[in-house]
Every structure is written in structure tokens, then in C-alpha cells.
Amino acid sequence: MVATAPSLPLPEIESAVTRLSRGELSAFRDWFSRFDAEAWDAQFEEDVKAGRLDALADEALADLRAGRYRDL
């Protein structure tokens, strides 16, 4: 799971982002993209470990075995 710091109200964060220079905004965008991807990956791994995706995997495998698929 992603570590969290004490939270700031969203309007404060939005206001701070609007005050960034173009370079700072670009750096923030790059950082946030990495942060968001890591958070998504952590959630996905947690869901897999908890078995929350098992039914979907079983359904996909059943469809594959039954020939209900198409090449992409």
C-alpha cells in the first residue's frame, strides 16, 4: 500500500498546483504519473492476493477453453 502523509484539503492542493511554473508543473505531472501507477499496481496486487479477481480469471479461462475468444 502507498504510504500516506497527513492530508491537505483538496482545494489547497488544487490552489498550490495552479501556482506552479510550467517546469514545476511538468515535473509534478511526471511525479504524479509515477505515483498513481505505483498506487494502482499496489491495489492490483492486493486484489490478486485477496482473490478478488479469481472469478474474472476463471471466467476468462473458461471462455478460452470453450473457444470464445478472438485474436487481438
PDB file of N, CA and C in Angstrom:
ATOM      1  N   MET A   1       0.832  -1.169   0.000  1.00  0.00           N
ATOM      2  CA  MET A   1       0.000   0.000   0.000  1.00  0.00           C
ATOM      3  C   MET A   1       0.882   1.240   0.000  1.00  0.00           C
ATOM      4  N   VAL A   2       0.380   2.313  -0.528  1.00  0.00           N
ATOM      5  CA  VAL A   2       1.133   3.547  -0.626  1.00  0.00           C
ATOM      6  C   VAL A   2       1.101   4.271   0.718  1.00  0.00           C
ATOM      7  N   ALA A   3       2.257   4.734   1.160  1.00  0.00           N
ATOM      8  CA  ALA A   3       2.322   5.472   2.414  1.00  0.00           C
ATOM      9  C   ALA A   3       1.598   6.802   2.271  1.00  0.00           C
ATOM     10  N   THR A   4       0.956   7.211   3.347  1.00  0.00           N
ATOM     11  CA  THR A   4       0.228   8.477   3.307  1.00  0.00           C
ATOM     12  C   THR A   4       0.757   9.424   4.371  1.00  0.00           C
ATOM     13  N   ALA A   5       0.756  10.685   4.052  1.00  0.00           N
ATOM     14  CA  ALA A   5       1.130  11.738   4.979  1.00  0.00           C
ATOM     15  C   ALA A   5      -0.154  12.403   5.454  1.00  0.00           C
ATOM     16  N   PRO A   6      -0.058  13.270   6.450  1.00  0.00           N
ATOM     17  CA  PRO A   6      -1.268  13.996   6.849  1.00  0.00           C
ATOM     18  C   PRO A   6      -1.859  14.696   5.625  1.00  0.00           C
ATOM     19  N   SER A   7      -3.156  14.580   5.465  1.00  0.00           N
ATOM     20  CA  SER A   7      -3.768  15.087   4.241  1.00  0.00           C
ATOM     21  C   SER A   7      -4.045  16.585   4.318  1.00  0.00           C
ATOM     22  N   LEU A   8      -4.004  17.189   3.160  1.00  0.00           N
ATOM     23  CA  LEU A   8      -4.376  18.594   3.000  1.00  0.00           C
ATOM     24  C   LEU A   8      -5.729  18.627   2.322  1.00  0.00           C
ATOM     25  N   PRO A   9      -6.508  19.646   2.595  1.00  0.00           N
ATOM     26  CA  PRO A   9      -7.784  19.764   1.889  1.00  0.00           C
ATOM     27  C   PRO A   9      -7.542  19.894   0.381  1.00  0.00           C
ATOM     28  N   LEU A  10      -8.369  19.238  -0.395  1.00  0.00           N
ATOM     29  CA  LEU A  10      -8.213  19.248  -1.843  1.00  0.00           C
ATOM     30  C   LEU A  10      -8.142  20.663  -2.414  1.00  0.00           C
ATOM     31  N   PRO A  11      -8.964  21.615  -1.970  1.00  0.00           N
ATOM     32  CA  PRO A  11      -8.834  22.970  -2.524  1.00  0.00           C
ATOM     33  C   PRO A  11      -7.438  23.575  -2.323  1.00  0.00           C
ATOM     34  N   GLU A  12      -6.773  23.244  -1.219  1.00  0.00           N
ATOM     35  CA  GLU A  12      -5.408  23.748  -1.000  1.00  0.00           C
ATOM     36  C   GLU A  12      -4.446  23.136  -2.006  1.00  0.00           C
ATOM     37  N   ILE A  13      -4.600  21.847  -2.263  1.00  0.00           N
ATOM     38  CA  ILE A  13      -3.738  21.176  -3.234  1.00  0.00           C
ATOM     39  C   ILE A  13      -3.972  21.760  -4.622  1.00  0.00           C
ATOM     40  N   GLU A  14      -5.236  21.918  -4.994  1.00  0.00           N
ATOM     41  CA  GLU A  14      -5.562  22.480  -6.305  1.00  0.00           C
ATOM     42  C   GLU A  14      -4.979  23.879  -6.449  1.00  0.00           C
ATOM     43  N   SER A  15      -5.106  24.679  -5.412  1.00  0.00           N
ATOM     44  CA  SER A  15      -4.576  26.041  -5.455  1.00  0.00           C
ATOM     45  C   SER A  15      -3.056  26.035  -5.614  1.00  0.00           C
ATOM     46  N   ALA A  16      -2.378  25.157  -4.889  1.00  0.00           N
ATOM     47  CA  ALA A  16      -0.920  25.071  -4.983  1.00  0.00           C
ATOM     48  C   ALA A  16      -0.505  24.654  -6.393  1.00  0.00           C
ATOM     49  N   VAL A  17      -1.229  23.713  -6.993  1.00  0.00           N
ATOM     50  CA  VAL A  17      -0.895  23.249  -8.344  1.00  0.00           C
ATOM     51  C   VAL A  17      -1.051  24.389  -9.343  1.00  0.00           C
ATOM     52  N   THR A  18      -2.064  25.214  -9.173  1.00  0.00           N
ATOM     53  CA  THR A  18      -2.271  26.319 -10.125  1.00  0.00           C
ATOM     54  C   THR A  18      -1.158  27.354 -10.049  1.00  0.00           C
ATOM     55  N   ARG A  19      -0.411  27.379  -8.949  1.00  0.00           N
ATOM     56  CA  ARG A  19       0.673  28.356  -8.796  1.00  0.00           C
ATOM     57  C   ARG A  19       2.026  27.835  -9.284  1.00  0.00           C
ATOM     58  N   LEU A  20       2.081  26.594  -9.751  1.00  0.00           N
ATOM     59  CA  LEU A  20       3.345  26.044 -10.231  1.00  0.00           C
ATOM     60  C   LEU A  20       3.751  26.672 -11.562  1.00  0.00           C
ATOM     61  N   SER A  21       5.048  26.811 -11.739  1.00  0.00           N
ATOM     62  CA  SER A  21       5.561  27.264 -13.032  1.00  0.00           C
ATOM     63  C   SER A  21       5.370  26.133 -14.039  1.00  0.00           C
ATOM     64  N   ARG A  22       5.586  26.421 -15.309  1.00  0.00           N
ATOM     65  CA  ARG A  22       5.459  25.373 -16.323  1.00  0.00           C
ATOM     66  C   ARG A  22       6.402  24.215 -16.050  1.00  0.00           C
ATOM     67  N   GLY A  23       7.639  24.536 -15.693  1.00  0.00           N
ATOM     68  CA  GLY A  23       8.619  23.488 -15.399  1.00  0.00           C
ATOM     69  C   GLY A  23       8.227  22.673 -14.179  1.00  0.00           C
ATOM     70  N   GLU A  24       7.771  23.373 -13.130  1.00  0.00           N
ATOM     71  CA  GLU A  24       7.336  22.670 -11.929  1.00  0.00           C
ATOM     72  C   GLU A  24       6.107  21.805 -12.221  1.00  0.00           C
ATOM     73  N   LEU A  25       5.201  22.331 -13.033  1.00  0.00           N
ATOM     74  CA  LEU A  25       4.005  21.571 -13.383  1.00  0.00           C
ATOM     75  C   LEU A  25       4.377  20.316 -14.164  1.00  0.00           C
ATOM     76  N   SER A  26       5.321  20.447 -15.050  1.00  0.00           N
ATOM     77  CA  SER A  26       5.777  19.282 -15.817  1.00  0.00           C
ATOM     78  C   SER A  26       6.397  18.234 -14.886  1.00  0.00           C
ATOM     79  N   ALA A  27       7.235  18.689 -13.957  1.00  0.00           N
ATOM     80  CA  ALA A  27       7.863  17.775 -13.001  1.00  0.00           C
ATOM     81  C   ALA A  27       6.802  17.142 -12.104  1.00  0.00           C
ATOM     82  N   PHE A  28       5.815  17.929 -11.676  1.00  0.00           N
ATOM     83  CA  PHE A  28       4.737  17.405 -10.849  1.00  0.00           C
ATOM     84  C   PHE A  28       3.926  16.356 -11.615  1.00  0.00           C
ATOM     85  N   ARG A  29       3.641  16.657 -12.870  1.00  0.00           N
ATOM     86  CA  ARG A  29       2.873  15.724 -13.708  1.00  0.00           C
ATOM     87  C   ARG A  29       3.616  14.392 -13.830  1.00  0.00           C
ATOM     88  N   ASP A  30       4.921  14.462 -14.069  1.00  0.00           N
ATOM     89  CA  ASP A  30       5.725  13.235 -14.174  1.00  0.00           C
ATOM     90  C   ASP A  30       5.715  12.465 -12.853  1.00  0.00           C
ATOM     91  N   TRP A  31       5.903  13.190 -11.751  1.00  0.00           N
ATOM     92  CA  TRP A  31       5.897  12.555 -10.437  1.00  0.00           C
ATOM     93  C   TRP A  31       4.535  11.920 -10.162  1.00  0.00           C
ATOM     94  N   PHE A  32       3.469  12.660 -10.428  1.00  0.00           N
ATOM     95  CA  PHE A  32       2.137  12.144 -10.121  1.00  0.00           C
ATOM     96  C   PHE A  32       1.807  10.925 -10.977  1.00  0.00           C
ATOM     97  N   SER A  33       2.251  10.923 -12.207  1.00  0.00           N
ATOM     98  CA  SER A  33       2.022   9.776 -13.073  1.00  0.00           C
ATOM     99  C   SER A  33       2.675   8.524 -12.480  1.00  0.00           C
ATOM    100  N   ARG A  34       3.908   8.666 -12.016  1.00  0.00           N
ATOM    101  CA  ARG A  34       4.598   7.533 -11.386  1.00  0.00           C
ATOM    102  C   ARG A  34       3.893   7.133 -10.081  1.00  0.00           C
ATOM    103  N   PHE A  35       3.533   8.113  -9.275  1.00  0.00           N
ATOM    104  CA  PHE A  35       2.848   7.866  -8.006  1.00  0.00           C
ATOM    105  C   PHE A  35       1.537   7.120  -8.235  1.00  0.00           C
ATOM    106  N   ASP A  36       0.753   7.582  -9.194  1.00  0.00           N
ATOM    107  CA  ASP A  36      -0.541   6.981  -9.489  1.00  0.00           C
ATOM    108  C   ASP A  36      -0.374   5.546  -9.995  1.00  0.00           C
ATOM    109  N   ALA A  37       0.618   5.328 -10.852  1.00  0.00           N
ATOM    110  CA  ALA A  37       0.872   3.976 -11.375  1.00  0.00           C
ATOM    111  C   ALA A  37       1.280   3.033 -10.249  1.00  0.00           C
ATOM    112  N   GLU A  38       2.124   3.507  -9.340  1.00  0.00           N
ATOM    113  CA  GLU A  38       2.546   2.672  -8.208  1.00  0.00           C
ATOM    114  C   GLU A  38       1.365   2.350  -7.299  1.00  0.00           C
ATOM    115  N   ALA A  39       0.490   3.330  -7.071  1.00  0.00           N
ATOM    116  CA  ALA A  39      -0.691   3.094  -6.236  1.00  0.00           C
ATOM    117  C   ALA A  39      -1.620   2.082  -6.902  1.00  0.00           C
ATOM    118  N   TRP A  40      -1.795   2.204  -8.218  1.00  0.00           N
ATOM    119  CA  TRP A  40      -2.650   1.269  -8.954  1.00  0.00           C
ATOM    120  C   TRP A  40      -2.067  -0.135  -8.891  1.00  0.00           C
ATOM    121  N   ASP A  41      -0.759  -0.243  -9.111  1.00  0.00           N
ATOM    122  CA  ASP A  41      -0.096  -1.549  -9.048  1.00  0.00           C
ATOM    123  C   ASP A  41      -0.260  -2.177  -7.668  1.00  0.00           C
ATOM    124  N   ALA A  42      -0.091  -1.372  -6.613  1.00  0.00           N
ATOM    125  CA  ALA A  42      -0.229  -1.892  -5.246  1.00  0.00           C
ATOM    126  C   ALA A  42      -1.653  -2.374  -4.998  1.00  0.00           C
ATOM    127  N   GLN A  43      -2.640  -1.620  -5.460  1.00  0.00           N
ATOM    128  CA  GLN A  43      -4.031  -2.034  -5.287  1.00  0.00           C
ATOM    129  C   GLN A  43      -4.315  -3.316  -6.064  1.00  0.00           C
ATOM    130  N   PHE A  44      -3.786  -3.408  -7.285  1.00  0.00           N
ATOM    131  CA  PHE A  44      -3.968  -4.605  -8.101  1.00  0.00           C
ATOM    132  C   PHE A  44      -3.375  -5.828  -7.406  1.00  0.00           C
ATOM    133  N   GLU A  45      -2.157  -5.685  -6.898  1.00  0.00           N
ATOM    134  CA  GLU A  45      -1.511  -6.794  -6.200  1.00  0.00           C
ATOM    135  C   GLU A  45      -2.315  -7.212  -4.977  1.00  0.00           C
ATOM    136  N   GLU A  46      -2.833  -6.230  -4.246  1.00  0.00           N
ATOM    137  CA  GLU A  46      -3.656  -6.524  -3.070  1.00  0.00           C
ATOM    138  C   GLU A  46      -4.921  -7.286  -3.480  1.00  0.00           C
ATOM    139  N   ASP A  47      -5.543  -6.840  -4.566  1.00  0.00           N
ATOM    140  CA  ASP A  47      -6.752  -7.511  -5.050  1.00  0.00           C
ATOM    141  C   ASP A  47      -6.462  -8.942  -5.485  1.00  0.00           C
ATOM    142  N   VAL A  48      -5.328  -9.152  -6.152  1.00  0.00           N
ATOM    143  CA  VAL A  48      -4.954 -10.501  -6.583  1.00  0.00           C
ATOM    144  C   VAL A  48      -4.731 -11.393  -5.364  1.00  0.00           C
ATOM    145  N   LYS A  49      -3.952 -10.917  -4.399  1.00  0.00           N
ATOM    146  CA  LYS A  49      -3.671 -11.709  -3.196  1.00  0.00           C
ATOM    147  C   LYS A  49      -4.936 -12.039  -2.426  1.00  0.00           C
ATOM    148  N   ALA A  50      -5.901 -11.126  -2.434  1.00  0.00           N
ATOM    149  CA  ALA A  50      -7.158 -11.331  -1.700  1.00  0.00           C
ATOM    150  C   ALA A  50      -8.153 -12.179  -2.491  1.00  0.00           C
ATOM    151  N   GLY A  51      -7.804 -12.528  -3.728  1.00  0.00           N
ATOM    152  CA  GLY A  51      -8.687 -13.361  -4.532  1.00  0.00           C
ATOM    153  C   GLY A  51      -9.840 -12.622  -5.178  1.00  0.00           C
ATOM    154  N   ARG A  52      -9.794 -11.297  -5.180  1.00  0.00           N
ATOM    155  CA  ARG A  52     -10.901 -10.515  -5.734  1.00  0.00           C
ATOM    156  C   ARG A  52     -11.030 -10.631  -7.254  1.00  0.00           C
ATOM    157  N   LEU A  53      -9.990 -11.132  -7.907  1.00  0.00           N
ATOM    158  CA  LEU A  53     -10.022 -11.257  -9.366  1.00  0.00           C
ATOM    159  C   LEU A  53     -10.159 -12.708  -9.822  1.00  0.00           C
ATOM    160  N   ASP A  54     -10.255 -13.617  -8.877  1.00  0.00           N
ATOM    161  CA  ASP A  54     -10.321 -15.037  -9.224  1.00  0.00           C
ATOM    162  C   ASP A  54     -11.498 -15.370 -10.132  1.00  0.00           C
ATOM    163  N   ALA A  55     -12.661 -14.820  -9.838  1.00  0.00           N
ATOM    164  CA  ALA A  55     -13.846 -15.123 -10.651  1.00  0.00           C
ATOM    165  C   ALA A  55     -13.654 -14.643 -12.084  1.00  0.00           C
ATOM    166  N   LEU A  56     -13.042 -13.482 -12.252  1.00  0.00           N
ATOM    167  CA  LEU A  56     -12.793 -12.968 -13.602  1.00  0.00           C
ATOM    168  C   LEU A  56     -11.787 -13.847 -14.340  1.00  0.00           C
ATOM    169  N   ALA A  57     -10.761 -14.269 -13.644  1.00  0.00           N
ATOM    170  CA  ALA A  57      -9.765 -15.147 -14.269  1.00  0.00           C
ATOM    171  C   ALA A  57     -10.390 -16.483 -14.647  1.00  0.00           C
ATOM    172  N   ASP A  58     -11.204 -17.027 -13.765  1.00  0.00           N
ATOM    173  CA  ASP A  58     -11.874 -18.298 -14.062  1.00  0.00           C
ATOM    174  C   ASP A  58     -12.776 -18.164 -15.275  1.00  0.00           C
ATOM    175  N   GLU A  59     -13.510 -17.062 -15.346  1.00  0.00           N
ATOM    176  CA  GLU A  59     -14.394 -16.837 -16.493  1.00  0.00           C
ATOM    177  C   GLU A  59     -13.597 -16.711 -17.791  1.00  0.00           C
ATOM    178  N   ALA A  60     -12.509 -15.989 -17.743  1.00  0.00           N
ATOM    179  CA  ALA A  60     -11.673 -15.819 -18.938  1.00  0.00           C
ATOM    180  C   ALA A  60     -11.084 -17.157 -19.390  1.00  0.00           C
ATOM    181  N   LEU A  61     -10.616 -17.950 -18.450  1.00  0.00           N
ATOM    182  CA  LEU A  61     -10.057 -19.256 -18.804  1.00  0.00           C
ATOM    183  C   LEU A  61     -11.126 -20.187 -19.366  1.00  0.00           C
ATOM    184  N   ALA A  62     -12.326 -20.130 -18.809  1.00  0.00           N
ATOM    185  CA  ALA A  62     -13.427 -20.951 -19.324  1.00  0.00           C
ATOM    186  C   ALA A  62     -13.769 -20.540 -20.754  1.00  0.00           C
ATOM    187  N   ASP A  63     -13.804 -19.234 -21.003  1.00  0.00           N
ATOM    188  CA  ASP A  63     -14.070 -18.751 -22.360  1.00  0.00           C
ATOM    189  C   ASP A  63     -12.975 -19.199 -23.322  1.00  0.00           C
ATOM    190  N   LEU A  64     -11.735 -19.135 -22.890  1.00  0.00           N
ATOM    191  CA  LEU A  64     -10.613 -19.565 -23.731  1.00  0.00           C
ATOM    192  C   LEU A  64     -10.737 -21.051 -24.071  1.00  0.00           C
ATOM    193  N   ARG A  65     -10.990 -21.854 -23.063  1.00  0.00           N
ATOM    194  CA  ARG A  65     -11.116 -23.309 -23.275  1.00  0.00           C
ATOM    195  C   ARG A  65     -12.294 -23.652 -24.195  1.00  0.00           C
ATOM    196  N   ALA A  66     -13.354 -22.826 -24.126  1.00  0.00           N
ATOM    197  CA  ALA A  66     -14.548 -23.076 -24.945  1.00  0.00           C
ATOM    198  C   ALA A  66     -14.430 -22.455 -26.332  1.00  0.00           C
ATOM    199  N   GLY A  67     -13.309 -21.802 -26.596  1.00  0.00           N
ATOM    200  CA  GLY A  67     -13.106 -21.197 -27.914  1.00  0.00           C
ATOM    201  C   GLY A  67     -13.818 -19.867 -28.105  1.00  0.00           C
ATOM    202  N   ARG A  68     -14.270 -19.285 -27.005  1.00  0.00           N
ATOM    203  CA  ARG A  68     -14.958 -17.993 -27.100  1.00  0.00           C
ATOM    204  C   ARG A  68     -13.962 -16.851 -26.893  1.00  0.00           C
ATOM    205  N   TYR A  69     -13.163 -16.654 -27.917  1.00  0.00           N
ATOM    206  CA  TYR A  69     -12.186 -15.571 -27.885  1.00  0.00           C
ATOM    207  C   TYR A  69     -11.849 -15.193 -29.315  1.00  0.00           C
ATOM    208  N   ARG A  70     -11.174 -14.072 -29.446  1.00  0.00           N
ATOM    209  CA  ARG A  70     -10.672 -13.672 -30.760  1.00  0.00           C
ATOM    210  C   ARG A  70      -9.298 -13.049 -30.567  1.00  0.00           C
ATOM    211  N   ASP A  71      -8.439 -13.235 -31.540  1.00  0.00           N
ATOM    212  CA  ASP A  71      -7.114 -12.650 -31.501  1.00  0.00           C
ATOM    213  C   ASP A  71      -7.222 -11.146 -31.629  1.00  0.00           C
ATOM    214  N   LEU A  72      -6.385 -10.472 -30.905  1.00  0.00           N
ATOM    215  CA  LEU A  72      -6.364  -9.006 -30.985  1.00  0.00           C
ATOM    216  C   LEU A  72      -5.298  -8.543 -31.945  1.00  0.00           C
TER     217      LEU A  72
END
